[in-house]
């Protein structure tokens, strides 16, 4: 079982930055790929970024590419999402997610992830 806890959300002006953290429980953190998703009111949950188990490869959605950076430190059981140049359309609840233990590769749809955090609100004002 994997438990995920996000933190770092908040209110920021357009053009500002935030850094989200996702802390994972257990000693198996290095054995699964992870990702960030977001969900705005009335919209489906959408992919933001993903990272392999070793952090050797990452991928970001076109809407955030060049502005958001995903990273992880397996020794700290933590993943981050650095968000720069934030826009009002980035406003959403952000979720971290983990694939099942032993699933090492990146995936881009919510159904491919087995564990989810509770979410953290990010609000970008214009």
N, C-alpha and C. Protein backbone atom coordinates (compact mmCIF):
# COMPACT_ATOMS: atom_id res chain seq x y z
N UNK A 1 0.85 -1.19 0.00
CA UNK A 1 0.00 0.00 0.00
C UNK A 1 0.89 1.25 0.00
N UNK A 2 0.50 2.22 -0.78
CA UNK A 2 1.24 3.48 -0.88
C UNK A 2 0.32 4.61 -0.48
N UNK A 3 0.79 5.46 0.39
CA UNK A 3 0.03 6.65 0.77
C UNK A 3 0.79 7.89 0.31
N UNK A 4 0.05 8.82 -0.30
CA UNK A 4 0.64 10.03 -0.87
C UNK A 4 0.01 11.26 -0.23
N UNK A 5 0.85 12.24 0.10
CA UNK A 5 0.36 13.47 0.70
C UNK A 5 0.98 14.65 -0.03
N UNK A 6 0.13 15.48 -0.65
CA UNK A 6 0.60 16.66 -1.35
C UNK A 6 0.63 17.86 -0.41
N UNK A 7 1.48 18.81 -0.74
CA UNK A 7 1.53 20.09 -0.03
C UNK A 7 2.11 21.14 -0.96
N UNK A 8 1.95 22.40 -0.57
CA UNK A 8 2.58 23.47 -1.33
C UNK A 8 1.64 24.29 -2.18
N UNK A 9 0.37 23.93 -2.23
CA UNK A 9 -0.56 24.72 -3.02
C UNK A 9 -0.85 26.06 -2.36
N UNK A 10 -1.57 26.91 -3.08
CA UNK A 10 -1.90 28.22 -2.53
C UNK A 10 -2.39 29.16 -3.59
N UNK A 11 -2.45 30.43 -3.21
CA UNK A 11 -2.89 31.50 -4.11
C UNK A 11 -1.66 32.28 -4.57
N UNK A 12 -1.55 32.48 -5.86
CA UNK A 12 -0.41 33.21 -6.41
C UNK A 12 -0.89 34.06 -7.58
N UNK A 13 -0.21 35.17 -7.82
CA UNK A 13 -0.55 36.01 -8.95
C UNK A 13 0.02 35.43 -10.24
N UNK A 14 -0.61 35.76 -11.34
CA UNK A 14 -0.12 35.32 -12.65
C UNK A 14 1.34 35.74 -12.82
N UNK A 15 2.12 34.81 -13.34
CA UNK A 15 3.55 35.04 -13.50
C UNK A 15 4.38 34.55 -12.34
N UNK A 16 3.73 34.20 -11.25
CA UNK A 16 4.42 33.74 -10.07
C UNK A 16 4.77 32.26 -10.13
N UNK A 17 5.32 31.77 -9.01
CA UNK A 17 5.78 30.38 -8.94
C UNK A 17 5.26 29.71 -7.68
N UNK A 18 5.12 28.41 -7.76
CA UNK A 18 4.82 27.56 -6.62
C UNK A 18 5.57 26.25 -6.79
N UNK A 19 5.86 25.61 -5.66
CA UNK A 19 6.49 24.29 -5.70
C UNK A 19 5.63 23.32 -4.90
N UNK A 20 5.08 22.35 -5.59
CA UNK A 20 4.28 21.33 -4.93
C UNK A 20 5.18 20.16 -4.52
N UNK A 21 4.86 19.58 -3.38
CA UNK A 21 5.57 18.40 -2.91
C UNK A 21 4.60 17.24 -2.75
N UNK A 22 5.11 16.05 -2.91
CA UNK A 22 4.32 14.84 -2.71
C UNK A 22 5.18 13.87 -1.91
N UNK A 23 4.78 13.62 -0.68
CA UNK A 23 5.51 12.70 0.18
C UNK A 23 4.84 11.34 0.16
N UNK A 24 5.63 10.31 -0.02
CA UNK A 24 5.09 8.95 -0.11
C UNK A 24 5.52 8.12 1.09
N UNK A 25 4.65 7.24 1.49
CA UNK A 25 4.96 6.33 2.60
C UNK A 25 5.62 5.07 2.06
N UNK A 26 6.26 4.33 2.95
CA UNK A 26 6.75 3.02 2.58
C UNK A 26 8.17 3.01 2.05
N UNK A 27 8.70 1.80 1.92
CA UNK A 27 10.08 1.62 1.48
C UNK A 27 10.17 1.21 0.03
N UNK A 28 9.07 1.37 -0.71
CA UNK A 28 9.06 0.93 -2.10
C UNK A 28 9.04 2.09 -3.08
N UNK A 29 9.36 3.31 -2.61
CA UNK A 29 9.20 4.52 -3.43
C UNK A 29 9.96 4.43 -4.73
N UNK A 30 11.10 3.79 -4.72
CA UNK A 30 11.93 3.74 -5.92
C UNK A 30 11.47 2.69 -6.92
N UNK A 31 10.37 2.02 -6.65
CA UNK A 31 9.95 0.91 -7.51
C UNK A 31 8.74 1.23 -8.37
N UNK A 32 8.36 2.51 -8.47
CA UNK A 32 7.22 2.84 -9.32
C UNK A 32 7.38 4.24 -9.92
N UNK A 33 6.82 4.41 -11.10
CA UNK A 33 6.76 5.71 -11.74
C UNK A 33 5.67 6.56 -11.07
N UNK A 34 5.77 7.86 -11.25
CA UNK A 34 4.81 8.77 -10.63
C UNK A 34 4.41 9.88 -11.59
N UNK A 35 3.35 10.58 -11.21
CA UNK A 35 2.90 11.67 -12.06
C UNK A 35 2.12 12.71 -11.29
N UNK A 36 1.90 13.82 -11.95
CA UNK A 36 1.03 14.89 -11.44
C UNK A 36 -0.13 15.06 -12.41
N UNK A 37 -1.31 15.23 -11.86
CA UNK A 37 -2.51 15.51 -12.62
C UNK A 37 -3.18 16.73 -12.00
N UNK A 38 -4.12 17.31 -12.71
CA UNK A 38 -4.89 18.42 -12.15
C UNK A 38 -6.32 18.35 -12.64
N UNK A 39 -7.20 18.95 -11.84
CA UNK A 39 -8.62 18.95 -12.19
C UNK A 39 -9.22 20.29 -11.82
N UNK A 40 -9.71 20.98 -12.83
CA UNK A 40 -10.40 22.25 -12.63
C UNK A 40 -11.90 21.97 -12.49
N UNK A 41 -12.65 22.88 -11.88
CA UNK A 41 -14.09 22.66 -11.70
C UNK A 41 -14.79 22.41 -13.02
N UNK A 42 -15.58 21.36 -13.06
CA UNK A 42 -16.35 21.05 -14.25
C UNK A 42 -15.57 20.39 -15.37
N UNK A 43 -14.30 20.09 -15.12
CA UNK A 43 -13.46 19.48 -16.15
C UNK A 43 -12.95 18.12 -15.70
N UNK A 44 -12.53 17.34 -16.67
CA UNK A 44 -11.93 16.04 -16.36
C UNK A 44 -10.53 16.23 -15.78
N UNK A 45 -10.09 15.21 -15.05
CA UNK A 45 -8.73 15.23 -14.53
C UNK A 45 -7.77 15.10 -15.71
N UNK A 46 -6.76 15.98 -15.76
CA UNK A 46 -5.86 15.97 -16.90
C UNK A 46 -4.41 15.76 -16.47
N UNK A 47 -3.66 15.15 -17.34
CA UNK A 47 -2.26 14.87 -17.11
C UNK A 47 -1.45 16.16 -17.12
N UNK A 48 -0.50 16.25 -16.21
CA UNK A 48 0.40 17.41 -16.15
C UNK A 48 1.83 16.98 -16.45
N UNK A 49 2.35 16.02 -15.70
CA UNK A 49 3.74 15.59 -15.89
C UNK A 49 3.94 14.22 -15.27
N UNK A 50 4.96 13.50 -15.77
CA UNK A 50 5.27 12.17 -15.25
C UNK A 50 6.77 11.97 -15.17
N UNK A 51 7.17 11.02 -14.33
CA UNK A 51 8.59 10.76 -14.12
C UNK A 51 8.78 9.27 -13.89
N UNK A 52 9.84 8.71 -14.45
CA UNK A 52 10.11 7.28 -14.26
C UNK A 52 10.61 7.00 -12.85
N UNK A 53 10.74 5.73 -12.53
CA UNK A 53 11.11 5.34 -11.17
C UNK A 53 12.48 5.89 -10.78
N UNK A 54 13.37 6.01 -11.75
CA UNK A 54 14.75 6.44 -11.47
C UNK A 54 14.96 7.93 -11.70
N UNK A 55 13.91 8.62 -12.13
CA UNK A 55 14.03 10.03 -12.53
C UNK A 55 14.90 10.19 -13.76
N UNK A 56 15.12 9.10 -14.47
CA UNK A 56 15.94 9.19 -15.66
C UNK A 56 15.23 9.79 -16.85
N UNK A 57 13.91 9.85 -16.77
CA UNK A 57 13.13 10.40 -17.88
C UNK A 57 11.89 11.08 -17.32
N UNK A 58 11.54 12.19 -17.94
CA UNK A 58 10.34 12.92 -17.54
C UNK A 58 9.58 13.33 -18.78
N UNK A 59 8.31 13.66 -18.58
CA UNK A 59 7.50 14.14 -19.69
C UNK A 59 6.45 15.10 -19.14
N UNK A 60 6.21 16.18 -19.86
CA UNK A 60 5.21 17.16 -19.43
C UNK A 60 4.22 17.42 -20.55
N UNK A 61 3.00 17.72 -20.16
CA UNK A 61 1.98 18.07 -21.14
C UNK A 61 2.37 19.35 -21.88
N UNK A 62 1.90 19.49 -23.10
CA UNK A 62 2.25 20.66 -23.89
C UNK A 62 1.84 21.96 -23.20
N UNK A 63 0.73 21.91 -22.48
CA UNK A 63 0.21 23.12 -21.83
C UNK A 63 1.13 23.66 -20.74
N UNK A 64 2.03 22.83 -20.21
CA UNK A 64 2.91 23.26 -19.13
C UNK A 64 4.39 23.12 -19.48
N UNK A 65 4.67 22.57 -20.64
CA UNK A 65 6.06 22.33 -21.04
C UNK A 65 6.83 23.64 -21.07
N UNK A 66 8.03 23.62 -20.48
CA UNK A 66 8.83 24.82 -20.41
C UNK A 66 8.54 25.70 -19.21
N UNK A 67 7.43 25.42 -18.51
CA UNK A 67 7.08 26.20 -17.31
C UNK A 67 7.11 25.34 -16.05
N UNK A 68 6.72 24.09 -16.16
CA UNK A 68 6.65 23.17 -15.01
C UNK A 68 7.76 22.14 -15.13
N UNK A 69 8.33 21.76 -13.98
CA UNK A 69 9.37 20.74 -13.94
C UNK A 69 9.05 19.72 -12.86
N UNK A 70 9.05 18.46 -13.24
CA UNK A 70 8.82 17.38 -12.29
C UNK A 70 10.15 16.78 -11.88
N UNK A 71 10.27 16.41 -10.61
CA UNK A 71 11.50 15.79 -10.13
C UNK A 71 11.16 14.90 -8.94
N UNK A 72 12.11 14.07 -8.55
CA UNK A 72 11.90 13.19 -7.40
C UNK A 72 13.25 12.86 -6.77
N UNK A 73 13.20 12.54 -5.48
CA UNK A 73 14.38 12.09 -4.75
C UNK A 73 13.98 10.81 -4.03
N UNK A 74 14.44 9.69 -4.51
CA UNK A 74 14.02 8.41 -3.92
C UNK A 74 14.54 8.24 -2.49
N UNK A 75 15.64 8.87 -2.17
CA UNK A 75 16.16 8.77 -0.80
C UNK A 75 15.27 9.50 0.19
N UNK A 76 14.50 10.48 -0.31
CA UNK A 76 13.61 11.26 0.55
C UNK A 76 12.14 10.86 0.38
N UNK A 77 11.87 9.87 -0.47
CA UNK A 77 10.49 9.46 -0.73
C UNK A 77 9.61 10.65 -1.12
N UNK A 78 10.15 11.54 -1.93
CA UNK A 78 9.43 12.76 -2.26
C UNK A 78 9.53 13.08 -3.75
N UNK A 79 8.42 13.60 -4.28
CA UNK A 79 8.37 14.10 -5.65
C UNK A 79 7.94 15.56 -5.60
N UNK A 80 8.40 16.33 -6.57
CA UNK A 80 8.06 17.75 -6.60
C UNK A 80 7.53 18.15 -7.98
N UNK A 81 6.80 19.25 -8.00
CA UNK A 81 6.40 19.90 -9.24
C UNK A 81 6.71 21.38 -9.08
N UNK A 82 7.74 21.84 -9.75
CA UNK A 82 8.08 23.26 -9.75
C UNK A 82 7.29 23.93 -10.85
N UNK A 83 6.48 24.91 -10.46
CA UNK A 83 5.60 25.59 -11.41
C UNK A 83 6.01 27.05 -11.50
N UNK A 84 6.45 27.45 -12.67
CA UNK A 84 6.86 28.83 -12.92
C UNK A 84 5.95 29.47 -13.96
N UNK A 85 5.99 30.78 -14.03
CA UNK A 85 5.19 31.53 -15.02
C UNK A 85 3.74 31.07 -15.00
N UNK A 86 3.18 31.00 -13.83
CA UNK A 86 1.82 30.48 -13.69
C UNK A 86 0.81 31.38 -14.37
N UNK A 87 -0.24 30.74 -14.90
CA UNK A 87 -1.30 31.44 -15.60
C UNK A 87 -2.63 31.15 -14.91
N UNK A 88 -3.62 32.01 -15.08
CA UNK A 88 -4.93 31.74 -14.48
C UNK A 88 -5.50 30.39 -14.90
N UNK A 89 -5.21 29.95 -16.10
CA UNK A 89 -5.74 28.65 -16.56
C UNK A 89 -5.05 27.47 -15.89
N UNK A 90 -4.02 27.70 -15.10
CA UNK A 90 -3.40 26.64 -14.31
C UNK A 90 -4.17 26.38 -13.01
N UNK A 91 -5.15 27.21 -12.72
CA UNK A 91 -5.94 27.03 -11.50
C UNK A 91 -6.65 25.69 -11.51
N UNK A 92 -6.43 24.91 -10.46
CA UNK A 92 -7.01 23.56 -10.36
C UNK A 92 -6.60 22.93 -9.04
N UNK A 93 -7.19 21.80 -8.74
CA UNK A 93 -6.68 20.94 -7.68
C UNK A 93 -5.63 20.02 -8.30
N UNK A 94 -4.46 20.00 -7.72
CA UNK A 94 -3.36 19.20 -8.24
C UNK A 94 -3.20 17.94 -7.40
N UNK A 95 -3.07 16.81 -8.10
CA UNK A 95 -2.96 15.51 -7.46
C UNK A 95 -1.64 14.85 -7.83
N UNK A 96 -0.98 14.26 -6.86
CA UNK A 96 0.13 13.38 -7.22
C UNK A 96 -0.40 11.95 -7.26
N UNK A 97 0.24 11.15 -8.07
CA UNK A 97 -0.23 9.78 -8.29
C UNK A 97 0.96 8.85 -8.47
N UNK A 98 0.76 7.62 -8.07
CA UNK A 98 1.80 6.61 -8.20
C UNK A 98 1.26 5.39 -8.94
N UNK A 99 2.07 4.86 -9.83
CA UNK A 99 1.70 3.63 -10.46
C UNK A 99 1.95 2.48 -9.48
N UNK A 100 1.51 1.32 -9.78
CA UNK A 100 1.68 0.19 -8.88
C UNK A 100 3.14 -0.17 -8.69
N UNK A 101 3.42 -0.81 -7.58
CA UNK A 101 4.79 -1.22 -7.27
C UNK A 101 5.31 -2.12 -8.38
N UNK A 102 6.48 -1.77 -8.89
CA UNK A 102 7.07 -2.52 -9.98
C UNK A 102 6.75 -1.97 -11.36
N UNK A 103 5.85 -0.99 -11.42
CA UNK A 103 5.49 -0.37 -12.71
C UNK A 103 6.39 0.85 -12.88
N UNK A 104 7.41 0.70 -13.70
CA UNK A 104 8.49 1.66 -13.72
C UNK A 104 8.34 2.76 -14.75
N UNK A 105 7.59 2.51 -15.81
CA UNK A 105 7.51 3.45 -16.90
C UNK A 105 6.44 4.50 -16.73
N UNK A 106 6.58 5.60 -17.46
CA UNK A 106 5.64 6.70 -17.39
C UNK A 106 4.36 6.35 -18.13
N UNK A 107 3.25 6.88 -17.61
CA UNK A 107 1.97 6.79 -18.28
C UNK A 107 1.26 8.13 -18.15
N UNK A 108 0.25 8.36 -19.00
CA UNK A 108 -0.29 9.70 -19.11
C UNK A 108 -1.79 9.78 -18.88
N UNK A 109 -2.41 8.68 -18.49
CA UNK A 109 -3.84 8.69 -18.21
C UNK A 109 -4.09 8.28 -16.76
N UNK A 110 -5.13 8.87 -16.14
CA UNK A 110 -5.39 8.56 -14.73
C UNK A 110 -5.59 7.07 -14.46
N UNK A 111 -6.17 6.36 -15.37
CA UNK A 111 -6.47 4.95 -15.14
C UNK A 111 -5.22 4.10 -14.99
N UNK A 112 -4.09 4.61 -15.41
CA UNK A 112 -2.82 3.86 -15.32
C UNK A 112 -2.18 3.99 -13.93
N UNK A 113 -2.76 4.78 -13.06
CA UNK A 113 -2.18 5.03 -11.74
C UNK A 113 -3.05 4.38 -10.66
N UNK A 114 -2.38 3.78 -9.71
CA UNK A 114 -3.07 3.00 -8.69
C UNK A 114 -3.28 3.75 -7.38
N UNK A 115 -2.45 4.73 -7.11
CA UNK A 115 -2.53 5.43 -5.82
C UNK A 115 -2.57 6.93 -6.06
N UNK A 116 -3.37 7.61 -5.23
CA UNK A 116 -3.59 9.05 -5.39
C UNK A 116 -3.51 9.76 -4.05
N UNK A 117 -3.01 10.99 -4.09
CA UNK A 117 -3.07 11.86 -2.92
C UNK A 117 -4.42 12.53 -2.83
N UNK A 118 -4.58 13.35 -1.80
CA UNK A 118 -5.86 14.00 -1.55
C UNK A 118 -6.03 15.27 -2.38
N UNK A 119 -4.96 15.76 -2.95
CA UNK A 119 -5.02 16.96 -3.77
C UNK A 119 -4.67 18.22 -3.01
N UNK A 120 -4.14 19.19 -3.72
CA UNK A 120 -3.83 20.49 -3.15
C UNK A 120 -4.28 21.56 -4.13
N UNK A 121 -4.94 22.60 -3.62
CA UNK A 121 -5.52 23.63 -4.48
C UNK A 121 -4.45 24.63 -4.91
N UNK A 122 -4.43 24.91 -6.19
CA UNK A 122 -3.59 25.97 -6.75
C UNK A 122 -4.52 26.98 -7.42
N UNK A 123 -4.43 28.23 -7.00
CA UNK A 123 -5.26 29.29 -7.57
C UNK A 123 -4.35 30.40 -8.08
N UNK A 124 -4.49 30.73 -9.35
CA UNK A 124 -3.67 31.77 -9.96
C UNK A 124 -4.58 32.93 -10.33
N UNK A 125 -4.32 34.07 -9.74
CA UNK A 125 -5.15 35.25 -10.00
C UNK A 125 -4.54 36.07 -11.13
N UNK A 126 -5.42 36.73 -11.88
CA UNK A 126 -4.96 37.54 -13.02
C UNK A 126 -4.65 38.96 -12.61
